[in-house]
Amino acid sequence: MADVPARMRRSDSFAKVAAEEFAALRSREPSLLAEVVLAIDAVPPPSSVEPAFGRVFPATAGRQTHIVLYRRVIESHSTPDQRDSLIAEVVSDQVDILRRT
């Protein structure tokens, strides 16, 4: 019997799509994104005032710039067929925000 790979968990699938999209953008703009970290949280912190798909956290003395995507928010605003394109859009939007800062 052939080994069948286990089905990828939704969170792992999300992370894979986000990482691939970020890598594609990083290859186009290495000077902007070389030191930027992509992270994924399930939901925004409770202190968030408005719902967000993602956020840019600028670098500080002890931390690199981070782009954070909020997985459950993105998934709740898309169908399974739309999810990957929404992830790509959110990553691109966050890079645009970073570009303007």
Protein backbone atom coordinates (compact mmCIF):
# COMPACT_ATOMS: atom_id res chain seq x y z
CA MET A 1 0.00 0.00 0.00
CA ALA A 2 1.37 3.40 -0.99
CA ASP A 3 1.94 6.04 1.63
CA VAL A 4 -0.61 8.82 1.32
CA PRO A 5 0.48 12.15 2.76
CA ALA A 6 -1.70 13.39 5.58
CA ARG A 7 -4.03 16.21 4.69
CA MET A 8 -2.45 19.55 5.51
CA ARG A 9 -4.07 21.39 8.41
CA ARG A 10 -5.87 24.59 7.47
CA SER A 11 -3.43 26.71 9.47
CA ASP A 12 -0.44 25.04 7.76
CA SER A 13 -2.01 25.53 4.35
CA PHE A 14 -2.63 29.20 5.16
CA ALA A 15 0.98 29.67 6.28
CA LYS A 16 2.29 28.00 3.13
CA VAL A 17 0.27 30.25 0.82
CA ALA A 18 1.27 33.37 2.78
CA ALA A 19 4.95 32.40 2.79
CA GLU A 20 4.96 31.74 -0.96
CA GLU A 21 3.30 35.09 -1.68
CA PHE A 22 5.70 36.93 0.62
CA ALA A 23 8.70 35.18 -0.97
CA ALA A 24 7.53 36.27 -4.42
CA LEU A 25 7.24 39.88 -3.28
CA ARG A 26 10.59 39.69 -1.47
CA SER A 27 12.29 38.49 -4.67
CA ARG A 28 10.93 41.57 -6.49
CA GLU A 29 11.87 44.03 -3.74
CA PRO A 30 14.78 42.57 -1.80
CA SER A 31 15.99 45.93 -0.48
CA LEU A 32 12.60 46.68 1.09
CA LEU A 33 11.77 43.22 2.42
CA ALA A 34 15.14 41.59 3.20
CA GLU A 35 14.88 42.26 6.93
CA VAL A 36 11.08 41.94 7.23
CA VAL A 37 9.55 38.98 9.03
CA LEU A 38 6.18 37.52 8.04
CA ALA A 39 4.13 36.19 10.94
CA ILE A 40 0.65 34.75 11.29
CA ASP A 41 -1.60 35.11 14.30
CA ALA A 42 -5.02 33.57 14.61
CA VAL A 43 -6.72 36.85 15.52
CA PRO A 44 -5.75 40.47 16.20
CA PRO A 45 -4.88 41.35 19.79
CA PRO A 46 -7.82 42.26 22.03
CA SER A 47 -6.58 45.86 22.14
CA SER A 48 -7.30 46.29 18.40
CA VAL A 49 -9.93 48.94 17.84
CA GLU A 50 -11.08 47.81 14.42
CA PRO A 51 -11.01 44.50 12.58
CA ALA A 52 -7.98 44.01 10.39
CA PHE A 53 -6.70 41.38 7.99
CA GLY A 54 -3.10 42.22 8.82
CA ARG A 55 -0.79 44.79 10.27
CA VAL A 56 2.73 46.15 9.90
CA PHE A 57 4.78 46.44 13.07
CA PRO A 58 7.75 48.74 12.38
CA ALA A 59 11.21 47.81 13.59
CA THR A 60 12.26 48.80 17.07
CA ALA A 61 15.63 48.65 18.79
CA GLY A 62 15.14 44.99 19.66
CA ARG A 63 12.85 43.73 16.88
CA GLN A 64 12.80 43.58 13.10
CA THR A 65 9.86 44.88 11.09
CA HIS A 66 7.02 42.36 11.10
CA ILE A 67 4.07 41.90 8.80
CA VAL A 68 1.38 39.99 10.67
CA LEU A 69 -1.59 38.33 8.99
CA TYR A 70 -4.69 37.43 11.01
CA ARG A 71 -5.72 33.99 9.76
CA ARG A 72 -9.20 33.66 11.20
CA VAL A 73 -10.23 37.14 10.07
CA ILE A 74 -9.09 36.40 6.52
CA GLU A 75 -10.74 32.98 6.51
CA SER A 76 -14.01 34.37 7.86
CA HIS A 77 -14.15 36.94 5.04
CA SER A 78 -13.55 34.49 2.20
CA THR A 79 -14.83 31.25 0.81
CA PRO A 80 -12.37 28.35 0.50
CA ASP A 81 -12.04 29.17 -3.21
CA GLN A 82 -11.27 32.84 -2.49
CA ARG A 83 -8.97 32.37 0.49
CA ASP A 84 -5.66 32.14 -1.37
CA SER A 85 -6.34 35.23 -3.46
CA LEU A 86 -7.35 37.17 -0.33
CA ILE A 87 -4.14 36.08 1.39
CA ALA A 88 -2.15 37.35 -1.61
CA GLU A 89 -4.07 40.63 -1.56
CA VAL A 90 -3.50 41.16 2.17
CA VAL A 91 0.22 40.42 1.91
CA SER A 92 0.49 42.84 -1.00
CA ASP A 93 -1.48 45.51 0.89
CA GLN A 94 0.76 45.20 3.94
CA VAL A 95 3.87 45.52 1.76
CA ASP A 96 2.32 48.66 0.22
CA ILE A 97 1.79 50.07 3.72
CA LEU A 98 5.40 49.28 4.57
CA ARG A 99 6.55 50.92 1.36
CA ARG A 100 4.79 54.18 2.33
CA THR A 101 6.29 54.33 5.83
